Amino acid sequence: MTWLLVVFTAFAAACVTSAHVPEATAVPLVIVNCDTEARQLDETVAVYPAPQSGLAPIAKLEKGRFVYRCVQRGDWLGVMFPETGEKVDCAERPPERPCSSGWIRRNTKMAING
């Protein structure tokens, strides 16, 4: 029992240190599973490189921007989105012209458009 406690304590300590999270923690999205209909954001959101707290945002999407939902992991949604001024056509793009992607909070308010 003591050995298990020592291992768990060491594991828990490693998980909470910021040094444990390397710079390259981006979690790629499986684009083939994304919605075909874009959703319009009802609020401004930060986009993160991975579905975890404590990371710096990689983008900020203003209210009115469009996103495509791809995958859910806990309280996070993996999304893809066109850059500012690009056509909202992520679901139709060929692989050599992908949309940007990242992770937003699952409770983000958005409306279905498409």
Protein backbone atom coordinates (compact mmCIF):
# COMPACT_ATOMS: atom_id res chain seq x y z
CA MET A 1 0.00 0.00 0.00
CA THR A 2 2.86 2.40 0.84
CA TRP A 3 4.52 1.69 -2.52
CA LEU A 4 1.29 2.51 -4.36
CA LEU A 5 0.99 5.79 -2.46
CA VAL A 6 4.57 6.76 -3.36
CA VAL A 7 4.01 5.99 -7.05
CA PHE A 8 0.71 7.89 -7.11
CA THR A 9 2.25 10.89 -5.32
CA ALA A 10 5.15 11.00 -7.79
CA PHE A 11 2.75 10.72 -10.73
CA ALA A 12 0.46 13.45 -9.37
CA ALA A 13 3.40 15.79 -8.73
CA ALA A 14 4.65 15.30 -12.29
CA CYS A 15 1.20 16.07 -13.70
CA VAL A 16 0.78 19.45 -12.04
CA THR A 17 4.13 21.02 -12.85
CA SER A 18 4.22 23.36 -15.81
CA ALA A 19 7.58 21.91 -16.84
CA HIS A 20 5.78 18.66 -17.62
CA VAL A 21 3.85 20.32 -20.50
CA PRO A 22 6.25 20.71 -23.46
CA GLU A 23 5.89 23.47 -26.06
CA ALA A 24 4.76 21.00 -28.75
CA THR A 25 1.59 19.75 -27.08
CA ALA A 26 -0.70 20.47 -30.02
CA VAL A 27 -3.25 17.72 -30.51
CA PRO A 28 -4.03 17.30 -34.21
CA LEU A 29 -7.68 17.03 -35.14
CA VAL A 30 -9.12 14.23 -37.23
CA ILE A 31 -10.57 16.44 -39.93
CA VAL A 32 -12.65 13.65 -41.54
CA ASN A 33 -14.94 13.67 -38.48
CA CYS A 34 -15.83 17.36 -38.56
CA ASP A 35 -19.35 18.69 -39.01
CA THR A 36 -20.30 19.66 -42.54
CA GLU A 37 -22.28 22.67 -41.30
CA ALA A 38 -20.49 25.69 -39.87
CA ARG A 39 -21.57 27.15 -36.56
CA GLN A 40 -21.43 30.88 -35.90
CA LEU A 41 -19.91 31.97 -32.61
CA ASP A 42 -22.22 33.96 -30.34
CA GLU A 43 -19.24 35.11 -28.26
CA THR A 44 -15.51 35.76 -28.58
CA VAL A 45 -13.41 32.68 -27.76
CA ALA A 46 -9.77 31.76 -27.28
CA VAL A 47 -8.40 28.85 -29.32
CA TYR A 48 -5.83 26.56 -27.68
CA PRO A 49 -3.30 24.10 -29.15
CA ALA A 50 -4.53 21.19 -27.00
CA PRO A 51 -7.55 20.30 -24.85
CA GLN A 52 -6.00 21.22 -21.51
CA SER A 53 -5.91 24.17 -19.13
CA GLY A 54 -2.81 26.25 -18.55
CA LEU A 55 -1.72 26.63 -22.19
CA ALA A 56 -1.39 29.94 -23.99
CA PRO A 57 -4.04 30.59 -26.66
CA ILE A 58 -2.95 30.29 -30.29
CA ALA A 59 -5.79 32.39 -31.70
CA LYS A 60 -8.78 34.52 -30.74
CA LEU A 61 -12.01 34.20 -32.68
CA GLU A 62 -14.41 37.12 -32.46
CA LYS A 63 -18.18 36.82 -32.15
CA GLY A 64 -19.65 36.13 -35.59
CA ARG A 65 -16.78 33.94 -36.82
CA PHE A 66 -17.56 30.44 -38.08
CA VAL A 67 -16.23 27.13 -36.76
CA TYR A 68 -16.75 23.47 -37.63
CA ARG A 69 -17.00 21.08 -34.68
CA CYS A 70 -14.71 18.06 -35.09
CA VAL A 71 -14.30 16.16 -31.82
CA GLN A 72 -15.14 16.49 -28.14
CA ARG A 73 -12.72 15.65 -25.32
CA GLY A 74 -14.17 16.31 -21.90
CA ASP A 75 -14.89 20.04 -21.61
CA TRP A 76 -13.18 20.82 -24.93
CA LEU A 77 -14.22 20.91 -28.59
CA GLY A 78 -11.75 20.43 -31.40
CA VAL A 79 -12.70 22.83 -34.19
CA MET A 80 -11.49 23.95 -37.57
CA PHE A 81 -12.08 27.46 -38.86
CA PRO A 82 -11.30 29.64 -41.87
CA GLU A 83 -8.92 32.54 -41.39
CA THR A 84 -10.34 36.09 -41.35
CA GLY A 85 -11.59 36.98 -44.82
CA GLU A 86 -11.53 33.40 -46.13
CA LYS A 87 -14.60 31.67 -47.52
CA VAL A 88 -16.48 29.50 -44.99
CA ASP A 89 -15.84 26.25 -46.85
CA CYS A 90 -13.72 24.11 -44.50
CA ALA A 91 -15.88 21.01 -45.01
CA GLU A 92 -15.32 21.20 -48.78
CA ARG A 93 -11.60 22.01 -48.95
CA PRO A 94 -9.04 19.59 -50.36
CA PRO A 95 -6.36 18.27 -47.96
CA GLU A 96 -3.69 20.55 -49.44
CA ARG A 97 -5.72 23.65 -48.41
CA PRO A 98 -6.81 22.93 -44.82
CA CYS A 99 -8.48 25.35 -42.46
CA SER A 100 -6.85 26.35 -39.19
CA SER A 101 -7.69 24.20 -36.19
CA GLY A 102 -7.52 24.17 -32.42
CA TRP A 103 -9.49 23.62 -29.22
CA ILE A 104 -12.21 25.75 -27.59
CA ARG A 105 -14.30 25.26 -24.46
CA ARG A 106 -17.29 22.97 -25.01
CA ASN A 107 -19.74 25.43 -23.44
CA THR A 108 -19.01 28.10 -26.07
CA LYS A 109 -22.26 29.62 -27.35
CA MET A 110 -22.79 29.15 -31.09
CA ALA A 111 -25.58 28.85 -33.63
CA ILE A 112 -25.89 26.39 -36.53
CA ASN A 113 -25.65 28.00 -39.96
CA GLY A 114 -25.38 26.20 -43.25
